[in-house]
Structures are given as C-alpha cells and as structure tokens.
Amino acid sequence: MTTPGHDNAKRFLGVVLKRGDKRMLRQIVHLVSQGRWDAILDLARRLKFPAPLALDDLKAVIDPHNKVTDAVVFANRLAANETLRRRLATLAVNDWPGVRDLARAEGLEVADDDLKTLIPESWFRDPGAFSEETC
C-alpha cells in the first residue's frame, strides 16, 4: 500500500530521473549504498523539491525489501573509506567485537553473523585487499 509520503518520494526520484543528470543519479546511488539517507533528504531540500519527504517513506520506496541493512552499509563504507579500512586492519583477524565497535562508531548496529558473511579475513590484514569483486 502506498501512502502520500511514498508518492512524494516517487515523485522526487522521478524528477531526478527525468533531469537525466547522471552525476546526481550516481550521487544518490552512492548515498543509498552508504546508508546516508539524511543526505538524500538534504539533496531534495537543496533542489527545492516542493513536497515534504520523510526518511521512512524514502527508504520504503528505494529499498522496499530492506536489503540495505546496516551490515551491508558498513561493508560498503569499508570499501569506500580508506581510513575505516586502516582501522579494520589494526584489529586482530576475526575480532568481530572490534569490527562491531567500528560499525557502532559509524552509527550502525550489526550482528557478528552478518559481518562474518560480508567481511573476508583478508580485509583484516590488508587495507589494500578491497576490490570491486570482494565488495
């Protein structure tokens, strides 16, 4: 069931798509992958989108099946942030409580099992071990 808020979020995304601005589209995709939903709302305000957008409505429209979990966001942030990768490399291999603390410092709540699924052992030892294939 869609709500007026969902309709506003769809309208905003439609406006962005119709503009055909590939840079802006890439920015939105990047923000979603990083879990930076608030930055997307800020972008809508800067673009002077007239309808109010709520965070929950935006998430429901972009990620209706909740695939962008905190664990996925954390793995994406690791892939994009060299400083965060260096902090991970200082931890002992398989120090999941330490990894969980890193995620919490990023404002994310993740379970050890989710982290174990997404973060290979090699990432602990080598901050340069990140590649497009492993992310």
N, C-alpha and C. Protein backbone atom coordinates (compact mmCIF):
# COMPACT_ATOMS: atom_id res chain seq x y z
N MET A 1 0.83 -1.18 0.00
CA MET A 1 0.00 0.00 0.00
C MET A 1 0.88 1.24 0.00
N THR A 2 0.60 2.14 -0.91
CA THR A 2 1.37 3.37 -0.94
C THR A 2 0.65 4.45 -0.15
N THR A 3 1.44 5.34 0.39
CA THR A 3 0.92 6.45 1.16
C THR A 3 1.25 7.74 0.41
N PRO A 4 0.67 8.86 0.82
CA PRO A 4 1.06 10.13 0.20
C PRO A 4 2.57 10.39 0.31
N GLY A 5 3.16 9.95 1.43
CA GLY A 5 4.62 10.11 1.58
C GLY A 5 5.39 9.29 0.57
N HIS A 6 4.92 8.06 0.30
CA HIS A 6 5.56 7.23 -0.73
C HIS A 6 5.44 7.91 -2.09
N ASP A 7 4.27 8.48 -2.35
CA ASP A 7 4.07 9.17 -3.63
C ASP A 7 5.03 10.34 -3.77
N ASN A 8 5.25 11.09 -2.69
CA ASN A 8 6.20 12.20 -2.73
C ASN A 8 7.61 11.71 -3.02
N ALA A 9 8.00 10.61 -2.39
CA ALA A 9 9.33 10.06 -2.63
C ALA A 9 9.47 9.60 -4.08
N LYS A 10 8.44 8.95 -4.60
CA LYS A 10 8.47 8.51 -6.00
C LYS A 10 8.54 9.71 -6.94
N ARG A 11 7.80 10.76 -6.61
CA ARG A 11 7.82 11.98 -7.43
C ARG A 11 9.22 12.60 -7.45
N PHE A 12 9.85 12.65 -6.28
CA PHE A 12 11.22 13.19 -6.20
C PHE A 12 12.17 12.39 -7.07
N LEU A 13 12.13 11.06 -6.94
CA LEU A 13 13.01 10.22 -7.75
C LEU A 13 12.71 10.37 -9.23
N GLY A 14 11.42 10.51 -9.57
CA GLY A 14 11.04 10.73 -10.97
C GLY A 14 11.61 12.02 -11.52
N VAL A 15 11.59 13.07 -10.71
CA VAL A 15 12.16 14.36 -11.13
C VAL A 15 13.65 14.20 -11.39
N VAL A 16 14.34 13.50 -10.49
CA VAL A 16 15.78 13.29 -10.65
C VAL A 16 16.05 12.50 -11.93
N LEU A 17 15.27 11.44 -12.17
CA LEU A 17 15.47 10.62 -13.37
C LEU A 17 15.18 11.41 -14.64
N LYS A 18 14.13 12.22 -14.62
CA LYS A 18 13.77 13.00 -15.81
C LYS A 18 14.82 14.05 -16.15
N ARG A 19 15.50 14.54 -15.13
CA ARG A 19 16.55 15.54 -15.39
C ARG A 19 17.69 14.94 -16.20
N GLY A 20 17.87 13.63 -16.05
CA GLY A 20 18.93 12.95 -16.81
C GLY A 20 20.33 13.31 -16.36
N ASP A 21 20.45 13.84 -15.17
CA ASP A 21 21.76 14.23 -14.63
C ASP A 21 22.43 12.99 -14.05
N LYS A 22 23.33 12.40 -14.82
CA LYS A 22 23.98 11.16 -14.41
C LYS A 22 24.80 11.34 -13.13
N ARG A 23 25.40 12.50 -12.97
CA ARG A 23 26.19 12.74 -11.77
C ARG A 23 25.31 12.69 -10.52
N MET A 24 24.13 13.29 -10.62
CA MET A 24 23.21 13.29 -9.49
C MET A 24 22.69 11.87 -9.22
N LEU A 25 22.41 11.13 -10.27
CA LEU A 25 21.97 9.74 -10.09
C LEU A 25 23.04 8.90 -9.40
N ARG A 26 24.29 9.07 -9.84
CA ARG A 26 25.40 8.35 -9.20
C ARG A 26 25.52 8.75 -7.73
N GLN A 27 25.31 10.04 -7.47
CA GLN A 27 25.39 10.51 -6.10
C GLN A 27 24.31 9.85 -5.23
N ILE A 28 23.10 9.76 -5.75
CA ILE A 28 22.01 9.13 -4.99
C ILE A 28 22.30 7.65 -4.76
N VAL A 29 22.77 6.96 -5.78
CA VAL A 29 23.10 5.53 -5.62
C VAL A 29 24.20 5.37 -4.57
N HIS A 30 25.21 6.23 -4.64
CA HIS A 30 26.30 6.17 -3.66
C HIS A 30 25.76 6.43 -2.24
N LEU A 31 24.90 7.44 -2.10
CA LEU A 31 24.35 7.75 -0.78
C LEU A 31 23.52 6.60 -0.22
N VAL A 32 22.75 5.95 -1.09
CA VAL A 32 21.97 4.78 -0.64
C VAL A 32 22.92 3.67 -0.19
N SER A 33 23.95 3.39 -0.98
CA SER A 33 24.88 2.31 -0.62
C SER A 33 25.62 2.60 0.68
N GLN A 34 25.80 3.87 1.00
CA GLN A 34 26.48 4.26 2.22
C GLN A 34 25.52 4.46 3.39
N GLY A 35 24.22 4.27 3.13
CA GLY A 35 23.23 4.44 4.19
C GLY A 35 23.05 5.89 4.60
N ARG A 36 23.34 6.80 3.71
CA ARG A 36 23.26 8.24 4.00
C ARG A 36 21.91 8.80 3.56
N TRP A 37 20.86 8.24 4.14
CA TRP A 37 19.50 8.64 3.77
C TRP A 37 19.25 10.12 4.06
N ASP A 38 19.79 10.60 5.15
CA ASP A 38 19.61 12.00 5.51
C ASP A 38 20.20 12.93 4.46
N ALA A 39 21.28 12.51 3.82
CA ALA A 39 21.90 13.32 2.77
C ALA A 39 20.99 13.38 1.53
N ILE A 40 20.22 12.33 1.28
CA ILE A 40 19.28 12.36 0.16
C ILE A 40 18.15 13.34 0.46
N LEU A 41 17.68 13.34 1.70
CA LEU A 41 16.66 14.33 2.09
C LEU A 41 17.21 15.75 1.97
N ASP A 42 18.46 15.93 2.36
CA ASP A 42 19.10 17.24 2.22
C ASP A 42 19.21 17.65 0.75
N LEU A 43 19.54 16.69 -0.09
CA LEU A 43 19.61 16.96 -1.53
C LEU A 43 18.25 17.42 -2.06
N ALA A 44 17.19 16.78 -1.63
CA ALA A 44 15.84 17.19 -2.06
C ALA A 44 15.55 18.62 -1.62
N ARG A 45 15.97 18.96 -0.40
CA ARG A 45 15.76 20.34 0.07
C ARG A 45 16.57 21.33 -0.75
N ARG A 46 17.83 20.98 -1.05
CA ARG A 46 18.68 21.87 -1.84
C ARG A 46 18.14 22.05 -3.26
N LEU A 47 17.50 21.00 -3.78
CA LEU A 47 16.89 21.10 -5.11
C LEU A 47 15.53 21.79 -5.06
N LYS A 48 15.13 22.18 -3.84
CA LYS A 48 13.86 22.86 -3.62
C LYS A 48 12.66 22.02 -4.07
N PHE A 49 12.73 20.71 -3.79
CA PHE A 49 11.61 19.83 -4.08
C PHE A 49 10.45 20.28 -3.20
N PRO A 50 9.30 20.60 -3.80
CA PRO A 50 8.22 21.24 -3.04
C PRO A 50 7.49 20.36 -2.02
N ALA A 51 7.42 19.07 -2.24
CA ALA A 51 6.67 18.19 -1.34
C ALA A 51 7.57 17.74 -0.20
N PRO A 52 7.00 17.59 0.99
CA PRO A 52 7.82 17.11 2.12
C PRO A 52 8.18 15.63 1.94
N LEU A 53 9.42 15.32 2.26
CA LEU A 53 9.89 13.94 2.20
C LEU A 53 10.23 13.47 3.60
N ALA A 54 9.79 12.28 3.94
CA ALA A 54 10.12 11.68 5.23
C ALA A 54 11.11 10.55 4.99
N LEU A 55 11.99 10.36 5.94
CA LEU A 55 13.02 9.34 5.85
C LEU A 55 12.44 7.95 5.62
N ASP A 56 11.43 7.59 6.40
CA ASP A 56 10.82 6.26 6.27
C ASP A 56 10.19 6.05 4.90
N ASP A 57 9.56 7.09 4.36
CA ASP A 57 8.95 6.96 3.03
C ASP A 57 10.02 6.77 1.96
N LEU A 58 11.09 7.54 2.07
CA LEU A 58 12.18 7.42 1.10
C LEU A 58 12.78 6.02 1.14
N LYS A 59 13.03 5.50 2.34
CA LYS A 59 13.57 4.14 2.48
C LYS A 59 12.60 3.10 1.91
N ALA A 60 11.31 3.28 2.18
CA ALA A 60 10.31 2.31 1.72
C ALA A 60 10.23 2.26 0.20
N VAL A 61 10.45 3.39 -0.46
CA VAL A 61 10.37 3.44 -1.92
C VAL A 61 11.67 2.93 -2.55
N ILE A 62 12.81 3.33 -2.03
CA ILE A 62 14.09 2.95 -2.63
C ILE A 62 14.45 1.51 -2.27
N ASP A 63 14.18 1.11 -1.05
CA ASP A 63 14.58 -0.21 -0.56
C ASP A 63 13.39 -0.92 0.08
N PRO A 64 12.38 -1.29 -0.72
CA PRO A 64 11.15 -1.86 -0.14
C PRO A 64 11.35 -3.20 0.56
N HIS A 65 12.39 -3.94 0.20
CA HIS A 65 12.63 -5.25 0.81
C HIS A 65 13.72 -5.19 1.88
N ASN A 66 14.13 -3.99 2.24
CA ASN A 66 15.12 -3.76 3.29
C ASN A 66 16.40 -4.56 3.06
N LYS A 67 16.93 -4.46 1.86
CA LYS A 67 18.17 -5.16 1.52
C LYS A 67 19.40 -4.36 1.96
N VAL A 68 19.23 -3.05 2.11
CA VAL A 68 20.35 -2.20 2.51
C VAL A 68 20.37 -2.17 4.04
N THR A 69 20.86 -3.26 4.62
CA THR A 69 20.93 -3.38 6.07
C THR A 69 22.15 -2.64 6.59
N ASP A 70 22.23 -2.48 7.89
CA ASP A 70 23.40 -1.82 8.48
C ASP A 70 24.68 -2.58 8.16
N ALA A 71 24.62 -3.90 8.10
CA ALA A 71 25.81 -4.69 7.77
C ALA A 71 26.27 -4.42 6.33
N VAL A 72 25.33 -4.35 5.42
CA VAL A 72 25.66 -4.05 4.02
C VAL A 72 26.23 -2.64 3.91
N VAL A 73 25.60 -1.70 4.59
CA VAL A 73 26.09 -0.32 4.59
C VAL A 73 27.51 -0.26 5.14
N PHE A 74 27.77 -0.99 6.22
CA PHE A 74 29.12 -0.97 6.81
C PHE A 74 30.14 -1.55 5.83
N ALA A 75 29.82 -2.65 5.18
CA ALA A 75 30.74 -3.22 4.19
C ALA A 75 30.98 -2.24 3.05
N ASN A 76 29.93 -1.54 2.62
CA ASN A 76 30.09 -0.54 1.56
C ASN A 76 30.96 0.63 2.02
N ARG A 77 30.77 1.04 3.26
CA ARG A 77 31.60 2.13 3.80
C ARG A 77 33.05 1.70 3.90
N LEU A 78 33.28 0.45 4.30
CA LEU A 78 34.66 -0.06 4.33
C LEU A 78 35.29 0.01 2.95
N ALA A 79 34.53 -0.38 1.95
CA ALA A 79 35.05 -0.38 0.59
C ALA A 79 35.37 1.02 0.10
N ALA A 80 34.63 2.02 0.58
CA ALA A 80 34.79 3.38 0.09
C ALA A 80 35.69 4.26 0.95
N ASN A 81 36.00 3.84 2.17
CA ASN A 81 36.68 4.71 3.11
C ASN A 81 38.01 4.11 3.55
N GLU A 82 39.09 4.67 3.05
CA GLU A 82 40.42 4.12 3.35
C GLU A 82 40.77 4.22 4.84
N THR A 83 40.36 5.28 5.49
CA THR A 83 40.63 5.43 6.92
C THR A 83 39.95 4.32 7.72
N LEU A 84 38.72 4.02 7.37
CA LEU A 84 37.99 2.95 8.04
C LEU A 84 38.66 1.59 7.78
N ARG A 85 39.14 1.39 6.55
CA ARG A 85 39.85 0.14 6.24
C ARG A 85 41.13 0.01 7.06
N ARG A 86 41.83 1.11 7.25
CA ARG A 86 43.06 1.07 8.05
C ARG A 86 42.74 0.70 9.50
N ARG A 87 41.63 1.24 10.02
CA ARG A 87 41.24 0.90 11.39
C ARG A 87 40.90 -0.59 11.48
N LEU A 88 40.24 -1.13 10.45
CA LEU A 88 39.93 -2.55 10.44
C LEU A 88 41.22 -3.37 10.42
N ALA A 89 42.21 -2.92 9.65
CA ALA A 89 43.47 -3.67 9.52
C ALA A 89 44.26 -3.69 10.83
N THR A 90 43.97 -2.79 11.76
CA THR A 90 44.67 -2.80 13.05
C THR A 90 44.10 -3.84 13.99
N LEU A 91 42.92 -4.36 13.69
CA LEU A 91 42.30 -5.37 14.54
C LEU A 91 42.89 -6.74 14.27
N ALA A 92 42.82 -7.60 15.27
CA ALA A 92 43.23 -8.99 15.08
C ALA A 92 42.26 -9.65 14.10
N VAL A 93 42.75 -10.64 13.37
CA VAL A 93 41.90 -11.37 12.44
C VAL A 93 40.73 -11.97 13.20
N ASN A 94 39.55 -11.80 12.63
CA ASN A 94 38.30 -12.30 13.21
C ASN A 94 37.94 -11.68 14.56
N ASP A 95 38.38 -10.45 14.81
CA ASP A 95 38.00 -9.71 16.02
C ASP A 95 36.64 -9.08 15.77
N TRP A 96 35.59 -9.91 15.79
CA TRP A 96 34.25 -9.43 15.44
C TRP A 96 33.72 -8.40 16.43
N PRO A 97 33.99 -8.52 17.72
CA PRO A 97 33.56 -7.45 18.62
C PRO A 97 34.21 -6.10 18.27
N GLY A 98 35.48 -6.15 17.85
CA GLY A 98 36.17 -4.92 17.41
C GLY A 98 35.54 -4.35 16.16
N VAL A 99 35.17 -5.22 15.22
CA VAL A 99 34.51 -4.77 13.99
C VAL A 99 33.14 -4.18 14.33
N ARG A 100 32.44 -4.84 15.24
CA ARG A 100 31.13 -4.33 15.66
C ARG A 100 31.27 -2.93 16.28
N ASP A 101 32.35 -2.72 17.05
CA ASP A 101 32.60 -1.40 17.63
C ASP A 101 32.88 -0.35 16.55
N LEU A 102 33.61 -0.76 15.51
CA LEU A 102 33.84 0.16 14.38
C LEU A 102 32.52 0.55 13.73
N ALA A 103 31.65 -0.43 13.55
CA ALA A 103 30.35 -0.16 12.94
C ALA A 103 29.52 0.76 13.84
N ARG A 104 29.56 0.51 15.13
CA ARG A 104 28.81 1.37 16.06
C ARG A 104 29.32 2.81 16.01
N ALA A 105 30.63 2.97 15.86
CA ALA A 105 31.20 4.31 15.74
C ALA A 105 30.67 5.03 14.49
N GLU A 106 30.25 4.24 13.51
CA GLU A 106 29.65 4.79 12.29
C GLU A 106 28.14 4.96 12.43
N GLY A 107 27.61 4.64 13.61
CA GLY A 107 26.17 4.77 13.84
C GLY A 107 25.36 3.60 13.33
N LEU A 108 26.01 2.44 13.18
CA LEU A 108 25.35 1.26 12.63
C LEU A 108 25.33 0.14 13.67
N GLU A 109 24.24 -0.59 13.71
CA GLU A 109 24.12 -1.76 14.59
C GLU A 109 24.15 -3.02 13.73
N VAL A 110 25.17 -3.83 13.94
CA VAL A 110 25.31 -5.04 13.13
C VAL A 110 25.55 -6.26 14.01
N ALA A 111 25.12 -7.39 13.53
CA ALA A 111 25.33 -8.66 14.24
C ALA A 111 26.60 -9.33 13.72
N ASP A 112 27.27 -10.05 14.60
CA ASP A 112 28.50 -10.73 14.21
C ASP A 112 28.30 -11.63 13.00
N ASP A 113 27.20 -12.38 12.98
CA ASP A 113 26.96 -13.30 11.87
C ASP A 113 26.86 -12.57 10.54
N ASP A 114 26.22 -11.40 10.54
CA ASP A 114 26.12 -10.61 9.31
C ASP A 114 27.50 -10.14 8.87
N LEU A 115 28.30 -9.71 9.83
CA LEU A 115 29.65 -9.24 9.50
C LEU A 115 30.49 -10.38 8.93
N LYS A 116 30.39 -11.56 9.54
CA LYS A 116 31.17 -12.70 9.09
C LYS A 116 30.83 -13.08 7.66
N THR A 117 29.59 -12.85 7.27
CA THR A 117 29.16 -13.16 5.91
C THR A 117 29.72 -12.16 4.91
N LEU A 118 29.88 -10.92 5.33
CA LEU A 118 30.24 -9.85 4.39
C LEU A 118 31.72 -9.47 4.37
N ILE A 119 32.45 -9.78 5.44
CA ILE A 119 33.83 -9.31 5.53
C ILE A 119 34.78 -10.50 5.54
N PRO A 120 35.55 -10.68 4.46
CA PRO A 120 36.51 -11.78 4.41
C PRO A 120 37.71 -11.52 5.33
N GLU A 121 38.37 -12.59 5.73
CA GLU A 121 39.54 -12.50 6.61
C GLU A 121 40.63 -11.59 6.06
N SER A 122 40.82 -11.60 4.75
CA SER A 122 41.90 -10.82 4.15
C SER A 122 41.76 -9.32 4.43
N TRP A 123 40.55 -8.85 4.66
CA TRP A 123 40.35 -7.41 4.92
C TRP A 123 40.95 -7.00 6.25
N PHE A 124 41.09 -7.94 7.18
CA PHE A 124 41.68 -7.61 8.48
C PHE A 124 43.16 -7.31 8.32
N ARG A 125 43.82 -8.05 7.47
CA ARG A 125 45.27 -7.96 7.38
C ARG A 125 45.75 -6.88 6.43
N ASP A 126 44.99 -6.59 5.42
CA ASP A 126 45.49 -5.72 4.35
C ASP A 126 44.43 -4.72 3.93
N PRO A 127 44.62 -3.42 4.28
CA PRO A 127 43.62 -2.44 3.86
C PRO A 127 43.54 -2.29 2.34
N GLY A 128 44.53 -2.80 1.62
CA GLY A 128 44.50 -2.75 0.17
C GLY A 128 43.83 -3.95 -0.46
N ALA A 129 43.32 -4.86 0.38
CA ALA A 129 42.70 -6.10 -0.13
C ALA A 129 41.31 -5.88 -0.71
N PHE A 130 40.80 -4.67 -0.59
CA PHE A 130 39.46 -4.38 -1.08
C PHE A 130 39.51 -4.24 -2.60
N SER A 131 38.56 -4.85 -3.24
CA SER A 131 38.45 -4.71 -4.68
C SER A 131 36.99 -4.72 -5.05
N GLU A 132 36.69 -4.37 -6.28
CA GLU A 132 35.32 -4.37 -6.75
C GLU A 132 34.69 -5.75 -6.62
N GLU A 133 35.51 -6.80 -6.81
CA GLU A 133 34.97 -8.15 -6.78
C GLU A 133 34.57 -8.59 -5.37
N THR A 134 35.29 -8.10 -4.35
CA THR A 134 35.02 -8.55 -2.99
C THR A 134 33.97 -7.71 -2.29
N CYS A 135 33.62 -6.57 -2.83
CA CYS A 135 32.67 -5.68 -2.18
C CYS A 135 31.26 -5.96 -2.60
